[in-house]
Amino acid sequence: MSEFRKFACPRCLGAGKVFECEKQVASKGSCCPSGTLHDNCPGQRISCHACNGTGLRGYGAPPLLQD
């Protein structure tokens, strides 16, 4: 395992962005399969929430503090 892979975010694999499409979630992956783009697909690449867009493991958004 390379040094980078040890620290890469498991959700985006170090890219810092993920492709999200509500139709893909609703259709259990049959719409907009990973790595493909369709003209009529409403999905988009957004900043990864798991690493806060850094691409690194452990850099997620801090938890919300409750008063």
N, C-alpha and C. Protein backbone atom coordinates (compact mmCIF):
# COMPACT_ATOMS: atom_id res chain seq x y z
N MET A 1 0.85 -1.19 0.00
CA MET A 1 0.00 0.00 0.00
C MET A 1 0.89 1.24 0.00
N SER A 2 0.60 2.17 -0.91
CA SER A 2 1.40 3.39 -0.95
C SER A 2 1.11 4.25 0.27
N GLU A 3 2.03 5.15 0.56
CA GLU A 3 1.84 6.04 1.71
C GLU A 3 0.56 6.86 1.55
N PHE A 4 0.28 7.34 0.32
CA PHE A 4 -0.91 8.17 0.12
C PHE A 4 -2.18 7.38 0.40
N ARG A 5 -2.23 6.11 -0.08
CA ARG A 5 -3.44 5.31 0.09
C ARG A 5 -3.78 5.11 1.56
N LYS A 6 -2.78 5.09 2.42
CA LYS A 6 -3.03 4.93 3.85
C LYS A 6 -3.82 6.10 4.41
N PHE A 7 -3.60 7.28 3.85
CA PHE A 7 -4.22 8.49 4.37
C PHE A 7 -5.38 8.99 3.52
N ALA A 8 -5.65 8.34 2.39
CA ALA A 8 -6.73 8.78 1.50
C ALA A 8 -8.09 8.53 2.13
N CYS A 9 -9.00 9.43 1.90
CA CYS A 9 -10.38 9.30 2.40
C CYS A 9 -11.01 8.06 1.78
N PRO A 10 -11.65 7.21 2.59
CA PRO A 10 -12.26 6.00 2.03
C PRO A 10 -13.48 6.25 1.15
N ARG A 11 -14.12 7.40 1.29
CA ARG A 11 -15.32 7.67 0.49
C ARG A 11 -14.98 8.19 -0.90
N CYS A 12 -14.05 9.13 -1.00
CA CYS A 12 -13.73 9.70 -2.32
C CYS A 12 -12.40 9.19 -2.85
N LEU A 13 -11.72 8.34 -2.08
CA LEU A 13 -10.44 7.75 -2.47
C LEU A 13 -9.38 8.81 -2.77
N GLY A 14 -9.44 9.92 -2.04
CA GLY A 14 -8.43 10.96 -2.17
C GLY A 14 -8.75 12.05 -3.17
N ALA A 15 -9.87 11.93 -3.87
CA ALA A 15 -10.22 12.92 -4.90
C ALA A 15 -10.73 14.23 -4.30
N GLY A 16 -11.34 14.16 -3.11
CA GLY A 16 -11.89 15.36 -2.49
C GLY A 16 -13.29 15.70 -2.99
N LYS A 17 -13.73 15.02 -4.06
CA LYS A 17 -15.07 15.25 -4.60
C LYS A 17 -15.73 13.91 -4.86
N VAL A 18 -17.05 13.88 -4.78
CA VAL A 18 -17.81 12.68 -5.09
C VAL A 18 -18.94 13.05 -6.03
N PHE A 19 -19.39 12.06 -6.81
CA PHE A 19 -20.51 12.27 -7.72
C PHE A 19 -21.77 11.84 -7.00
N GLU A 20 -22.72 12.73 -6.88
CA GLU A 20 -23.97 12.40 -6.21
C GLU A 20 -25.14 12.70 -7.13
N CYS A 21 -26.06 11.75 -7.18
CA CYS A 21 -27.25 11.90 -8.01
C CYS A 21 -28.41 11.28 -7.25
N GLU A 22 -29.44 12.06 -6.98
CA GLU A 22 -30.60 11.54 -6.25
C GLU A 22 -31.26 10.39 -7.00
N LYS A 23 -31.27 10.46 -8.33
CA LYS A 23 -31.87 9.38 -9.11
C LYS A 23 -31.07 8.09 -8.94
N GLN A 24 -29.74 8.21 -8.85
CA GLN A 24 -28.92 7.02 -8.69
C GLN A 24 -29.24 6.34 -7.36
N VAL A 25 -29.41 7.13 -6.31
CA VAL A 25 -29.75 6.58 -5.00
C VAL A 25 -31.13 5.92 -5.05
N ALA A 26 -32.10 6.60 -5.67
CA ALA A 26 -33.46 6.08 -5.74
C ALA A 26 -33.56 4.82 -6.60
N SER A 27 -32.69 4.71 -7.62
CA SER A 27 -32.77 3.56 -8.51
C SER A 27 -31.75 2.47 -8.13
N LYS A 28 -31.16 2.61 -6.96
CA LYS A 28 -30.17 1.64 -6.46
C LYS A 28 -28.99 1.48 -7.42
N GLY A 29 -28.55 2.59 -8.03
CA GLY A 29 -27.35 2.58 -8.86
C GLY A 29 -27.54 2.36 -10.34
N SER A 30 -28.79 2.13 -10.79
CA SER A 30 -28.97 1.89 -12.23
C SER A 30 -28.92 3.18 -13.04
N CYS A 31 -29.19 4.31 -12.42
CA CYS A 31 -29.05 5.61 -13.09
C CYS A 31 -27.65 6.15 -12.81
N CYS A 32 -26.98 6.65 -13.82
CA CYS A 32 -25.67 7.29 -13.65
C CYS A 32 -24.68 6.40 -12.90
N PRO A 33 -24.38 5.21 -13.42
CA PRO A 33 -23.41 4.36 -12.72
C PRO A 33 -22.08 5.09 -12.55
N SER A 34 -21.33 4.72 -11.54
CA SER A 34 -20.06 5.37 -11.25
C SER A 34 -19.18 5.40 -12.49
N GLY A 35 -18.61 6.56 -12.78
CA GLY A 35 -17.71 6.71 -13.91
C GLY A 35 -18.38 7.05 -15.22
N THR A 36 -19.70 7.13 -15.25
CA THR A 36 -20.39 7.48 -16.49
C THR A 36 -21.18 8.76 -16.30
N LEU A 37 -21.35 9.47 -17.37
CA LEU A 37 -22.15 10.70 -17.34
C LEU A 37 -23.21 10.60 -18.43
N HIS A 38 -24.41 10.98 -18.12
CA HIS A 38 -25.50 10.99 -19.09
C HIS A 38 -25.99 12.42 -19.23
N ASP A 39 -26.38 12.80 -20.44
CA ASP A 39 -26.83 14.17 -20.70
C ASP A 39 -28.01 14.56 -19.82
N ASN A 40 -28.89 13.61 -19.55
CA ASN A 40 -30.09 13.96 -18.78
C ASN A 40 -29.94 13.66 -17.29
N CYS A 41 -28.74 13.38 -16.84
CA CYS A 41 -28.53 13.06 -15.43
C CYS A 41 -28.42 14.35 -14.62
N PRO A 42 -29.20 14.47 -13.54
CA PRO A 42 -29.17 15.69 -12.73
C PRO A 42 -28.05 15.69 -11.69
N GLY A 43 -27.25 14.63 -11.66
CA GLY A 43 -26.19 14.53 -10.65
C GLY A 43 -25.06 15.52 -10.89
N GLN A 44 -24.22 15.65 -9.90
CA GLN A 44 -23.09 16.57 -10.01
C GLN A 44 -21.97 16.14 -9.08
N ARG A 45 -20.76 16.59 -9.38
CA ARG A 45 -19.63 16.32 -8.49
C ARG A 45 -19.62 17.39 -7.41
N ILE A 46 -19.66 16.93 -6.16
CA ILE A 46 -19.68 17.86 -5.04
C ILE A 46 -18.55 17.54 -4.09
N SER A 47 -18.25 18.47 -3.23
CA SER A 47 -17.20 18.28 -2.23
C SER A 47 -17.57 17.10 -1.33
N CYS A 48 -16.61 16.24 -1.06
CA CYS A 48 -16.84 15.05 -0.23
C CYS A 48 -17.07 15.47 1.21
N HIS A 49 -18.19 15.01 1.79
CA HIS A 49 -18.52 15.36 3.17
C HIS A 49 -17.66 14.60 4.16
N ALA A 50 -17.21 13.40 3.79
CA ALA A 50 -16.46 12.56 4.72
C ALA A 50 -15.09 13.16 5.08
N CYS A 51 -14.49 13.90 4.14
CA CYS A 51 -13.17 14.49 4.40
C CYS A 51 -13.17 16.00 4.28
N ASN A 52 -14.35 16.59 4.14
CA ASN A 52 -14.49 18.03 3.99
C ASN A 52 -13.77 18.55 2.75
N GLY A 53 -13.71 17.72 1.70
CA GLY A 53 -13.11 18.13 0.44
C GLY A 53 -11.60 18.07 0.40
N THR A 54 -10.96 17.56 1.44
CA THR A 54 -9.49 17.51 1.47
C THR A 54 -8.94 16.27 0.79
N GLY A 55 -9.72 15.19 0.72
CA GLY A 55 -9.24 13.94 0.14
C GLY A 55 -8.46 13.10 1.14
N LEU A 56 -8.36 13.58 2.37
CA LEU A 56 -7.58 12.87 3.38
C LEU A 56 -8.45 12.29 4.48
N ARG A 57 -8.09 11.13 4.94
CA ARG A 57 -8.82 10.45 6.02
C ARG A 57 -8.76 11.29 7.29
N GLY A 58 -9.88 11.40 7.99
CA GLY A 58 -9.89 12.07 9.28
C GLY A 58 -10.07 13.59 9.24
N TYR A 59 -10.38 14.13 8.07
CA TYR A 59 -10.55 15.59 7.98
C TYR A 59 -12.01 15.97 7.77
N GLY A 60 -12.92 15.17 8.28
CA GLY A 60 -14.34 15.46 8.13
C GLY A 60 -14.74 16.71 8.88
N ALA A 61 -15.93 17.18 8.60
CA ALA A 61 -16.46 18.35 9.30
C ALA A 61 -16.61 18.04 10.79
N PRO A 62 -16.30 18.99 11.63
CA PRO A 62 -16.44 18.75 13.08
C PRO A 62 -17.89 18.54 13.44
N PRO A 63 -18.16 17.75 14.47
CA PRO A 63 -19.54 17.53 14.88
C PRO A 63 -20.18 18.82 15.39
N LEU A 64 -21.48 18.93 15.22
CA LEU A 64 -22.19 20.10 15.70
C LEU A 64 -22.27 20.05 17.21
N LEU A 65 -21.97 21.15 17.84
CA LEU A 65 -22.01 21.20 19.31
C LEU A 65 -23.44 21.51 19.75
N GLN A 66 -23.90 20.77 20.71
CA GLN A 66 -25.23 20.98 21.26
C GLN A 66 -25.11 21.75 22.57
N ASP A 67 -25.91 22.79 22.73
CA ASP A 67 -25.90 23.55 24.00
C ASP A 67 -26.86 22.95 25.00
